[in-house]
Amino acid sequence: MSEASKLREMSVEQLSFQLKETQQDLFRLRFQAASEKLDAPSNLKKLRRQIARIHTILHEKSAGTGA
């Protein structure tokens, strides 16, 4: 099962919580990147995509086009 389909199964409340957690993780990684102590720079890209994915699914659910 893909990541997007897992997110689509979540409720709006769960998605909002997941979004908040992912944004906090991205914030922490940005600080690590600024202090040059970031182990895997690819994690920044992964988290940004995850946030965009969650925003898209939340928008689908609010528009009524989601499953």
N, C-alpha and C. Protein backbone atom coordinates (compact mmCIF):
# COMPACT_ATOMS: atom_id res chain seq x y z
N MET A 1 0.85 -1.17 0.00
CA MET A 1 0.00 0.00 0.00
C MET A 1 0.90 1.24 0.00
N SER A 2 0.54 2.19 -0.83
CA SER A 2 1.37 3.39 -0.94
C SER A 2 1.10 4.34 0.22
N GLU A 3 2.00 5.29 0.36
CA GLU A 3 1.89 6.26 1.45
C GLU A 3 0.62 7.11 1.31
N ALA A 4 0.29 7.50 0.09
CA ALA A 4 -0.89 8.34 -0.13
C ALA A 4 -2.16 7.58 0.24
N SER A 5 -2.22 6.31 -0.08
CA SER A 5 -3.43 5.56 0.25
C SER A 5 -3.57 5.37 1.76
N LYS A 6 -2.44 5.25 2.45
CA LYS A 6 -2.50 5.17 3.92
C LYS A 6 -3.03 6.48 4.49
N LEU A 7 -2.59 7.59 3.93
CA LEU A 7 -3.05 8.90 4.41
C LEU A 7 -4.53 9.11 4.10
N ARG A 8 -4.98 8.62 2.95
CA ARG A 8 -6.39 8.80 2.58
C ARG A 8 -7.32 8.04 3.52
N GLU A 9 -6.83 6.99 4.16
CA GLU A 9 -7.64 6.23 5.10
C GLU A 9 -7.80 6.94 6.45
N MET A 10 -6.96 7.92 6.71
CA MET A 10 -7.01 8.64 7.98
C MET A 10 -8.15 9.65 7.99
N SER A 11 -8.60 9.98 9.19
CA SER A 11 -9.62 11.02 9.34
C SER A 11 -8.95 12.38 9.24
N VAL A 12 -9.76 13.41 9.16
CA VAL A 12 -9.25 14.77 9.06
C VAL A 12 -8.45 15.14 10.31
N GLU A 13 -8.92 14.69 11.48
CA GLU A 13 -8.22 14.98 12.73
C GLU A 13 -6.85 14.30 12.74
N GLN A 14 -6.80 13.05 12.28
CA GLN A 14 -5.53 12.33 12.24
C GLN A 14 -4.58 13.00 11.25
N LEU A 15 -5.11 13.43 10.11
CA LEU A 15 -4.27 14.11 9.12
C LEU A 15 -3.73 15.42 9.66
N SER A 16 -4.55 16.15 10.38
CA SER A 16 -4.10 17.42 10.96
C SER A 16 -2.98 17.18 11.97
N PHE A 17 -3.13 16.15 12.78
CA PHE A 17 -2.09 15.81 13.74
C PHE A 17 -0.81 15.39 13.03
N GLN A 18 -0.95 14.56 11.99
CA GLN A 18 0.21 14.10 11.21
C GLN A 18 0.91 15.28 10.56
N LEU A 19 0.14 16.23 10.06
CA LEU A 19 0.70 17.42 9.43
C LEU A 19 1.51 18.23 10.44
N LYS A 20 0.96 18.41 11.63
CA LYS A 20 1.65 19.16 12.67
C LYS A 20 2.96 18.49 13.06
N GLU A 21 2.93 17.18 13.22
CA GLU A 21 4.14 16.43 13.58
C GLU A 21 5.20 16.52 12.49
N THR A 22 4.77 16.40 11.24
CA THR A 22 5.71 16.44 10.12
C THR A 22 6.32 17.83 9.99
N GLN A 23 5.53 18.87 10.21
CA GLN A 23 6.06 20.23 10.16
C GLN A 23 7.08 20.46 11.27
N GLN A 24 6.84 19.91 12.44
CA GLN A 24 7.79 20.04 13.53
C GLN A 24 9.09 19.30 13.22
N ASP A 25 8.98 18.13 12.60
CA ASP A 25 10.17 17.38 12.19
C ASP A 25 10.98 18.17 11.17
N LEU A 26 10.29 18.79 10.21
CA LEU A 26 10.97 19.59 9.20
C LEU A 26 11.67 20.78 9.84
N PHE A 27 11.02 21.41 10.82
CA PHE A 27 11.61 22.54 11.53
C PHE A 27 12.92 22.13 12.21
N ARG A 28 12.89 20.96 12.88
CA ARG A 28 14.10 20.46 13.55
C ARG A 28 15.21 20.17 12.54
N LEU A 29 14.85 19.58 11.42
CA LEU A 29 15.85 19.27 10.40
C LEU A 29 16.46 20.53 9.80
N ARG A 30 15.65 21.57 9.65
CA ARG A 30 16.19 22.82 9.12
C ARG A 30 17.22 23.43 10.07
N PHE A 31 16.98 23.29 11.35
CA PHE A 31 17.97 23.78 12.32
C PHE A 31 19.25 22.96 12.24
N GLN A 32 19.11 21.65 12.08
CA GLN A 32 20.29 20.81 11.93
C GLN A 32 21.05 21.17 10.66
N ALA A 33 20.33 21.46 9.60
CA ALA A 33 20.98 21.83 8.34
C ALA A 33 21.72 23.15 8.48
N ALA A 34 21.14 24.08 9.23
CA ALA A 34 21.78 25.37 9.43
C ALA A 34 23.06 25.24 10.25
N SER A 35 23.08 24.29 11.17
CA SER A 35 24.26 24.10 12.00
C SER A 35 25.20 23.05 11.40
N GLU A 36 24.90 22.61 10.18
CA GLU A 36 25.72 21.66 9.44
C GLU A 36 25.88 20.33 10.16
N LYS A 37 24.87 19.90 10.87
CA LYS A 37 24.91 18.61 11.55
C LYS A 37 23.85 17.67 11.01
N LEU A 38 23.45 17.90 9.78
CA LEU A 38 22.41 17.09 9.17
C LEU A 38 23.02 15.83 8.55
N ASP A 39 22.54 14.67 8.98
CA ASP A 39 23.09 13.40 8.51
C ASP A 39 22.61 13.06 7.10
N ALA A 40 21.32 13.24 6.84
CA ALA A 40 20.75 12.86 5.55
C ALA A 40 19.96 14.04 4.97
N PRO A 41 20.59 14.81 4.09
CA PRO A 41 19.89 15.96 3.51
C PRO A 41 18.64 15.58 2.72
N SER A 42 18.57 14.34 2.26
CA SER A 42 17.40 13.91 1.50
C SER A 42 16.13 13.88 2.36
N ASN A 43 16.30 13.85 3.68
CA ASN A 43 15.13 13.85 4.57
C ASN A 43 14.35 15.15 4.47
N LEU A 44 15.02 16.27 4.17
CA LEU A 44 14.32 17.54 4.00
C LEU A 44 13.33 17.44 2.84
N LYS A 45 13.78 16.89 1.74
CA LYS A 45 12.92 16.74 0.56
C LYS A 45 11.77 15.80 0.85
N LYS A 46 12.05 14.71 1.55
CA LYS A 46 11.01 13.73 1.88
C LYS A 46 9.93 14.36 2.75
N LEU A 47 10.34 15.15 3.73
CA LEU A 47 9.36 15.76 4.63
C LEU A 47 8.54 16.83 3.91
N ARG A 48 9.19 17.60 3.04
CA ARG A 48 8.44 18.61 2.27
C ARG A 48 7.39 17.94 1.39
N ARG A 49 7.75 16.84 0.78
CA ARG A 49 6.79 16.11 -0.06
C ARG A 49 5.66 15.51 0.78
N GLN A 50 6.00 15.02 1.96
CA GLN A 50 5.00 14.47 2.86
C GLN A 50 4.00 15.55 3.27
N ILE A 51 4.50 16.74 3.58
CA ILE A 51 3.62 17.84 3.96
C ILE A 51 2.70 18.21 2.79
N ALA A 52 3.25 18.28 1.59
CA ALA A 52 2.44 18.59 0.41
C ALA A 52 1.38 17.51 0.18
N ARG A 53 1.76 16.26 0.39
CA ARG A 53 0.83 15.14 0.21
C ARG A 53 -0.33 15.26 1.20
N ILE A 54 -0.02 15.58 2.45
CA ILE A 54 -1.06 15.72 3.47
C ILE A 54 -1.98 16.89 3.14
N HIS A 55 -1.39 18.02 2.72
CA HIS A 55 -2.20 19.18 2.34
C HIS A 55 -3.14 18.83 1.19
N THR A 56 -2.66 18.09 0.22
CA THR A 56 -3.48 17.70 -0.93
C THR A 56 -4.66 16.84 -0.48
N ILE A 57 -4.39 15.87 0.37
CA ILE A 57 -5.46 14.97 0.81
C ILE A 57 -6.46 15.72 1.69
N LEU A 58 -5.98 16.63 2.53
CA LEU A 58 -6.90 17.45 3.33
C LEU A 58 -7.79 18.30 2.42
N HIS A 59 -7.21 18.84 1.36
CA HIS A 59 -7.99 19.64 0.42
C HIS A 59 -9.03 18.78 -0.29
N GLU A 60 -8.64 17.56 -0.68
CA GLU A 60 -9.59 16.65 -1.32
C GLU A 60 -10.75 16.34 -0.40
N LYS A 61 -10.44 16.08 0.86
CA LYS A 61 -11.50 15.75 1.82
C LYS A 61 -12.42 16.94 2.07
N SER A 62 -11.86 18.13 2.13
CA SER A 62 -12.69 19.31 2.38
C SER A 62 -13.53 19.66 1.16
N ALA A 63 -13.05 19.33 -0.04
CA ALA A 63 -13.80 19.59 -1.26
C ALA A 63 -14.83 18.49 -1.54
N GLY A 64 -14.72 17.39 -0.81
CA GLY A 64 -15.67 16.31 -0.98
C GLY A 64 -15.32 15.36 -2.11
N THR A 65 -14.11 15.46 -2.65
CA THR A 65 -13.73 14.56 -3.73
C THR A 65 -12.96 13.36 -3.22
N GLY A 66 -12.59 13.37 -1.96
CA GLY A 66 -11.81 12.27 -1.39
C GLY A 66 -12.67 11.07 -1.09
N ALA A 67 -12.02 9.94 -0.85
CA ALA A 67 -12.76 8.70 -0.58
C ALA A 67 -13.22 8.65 0.85
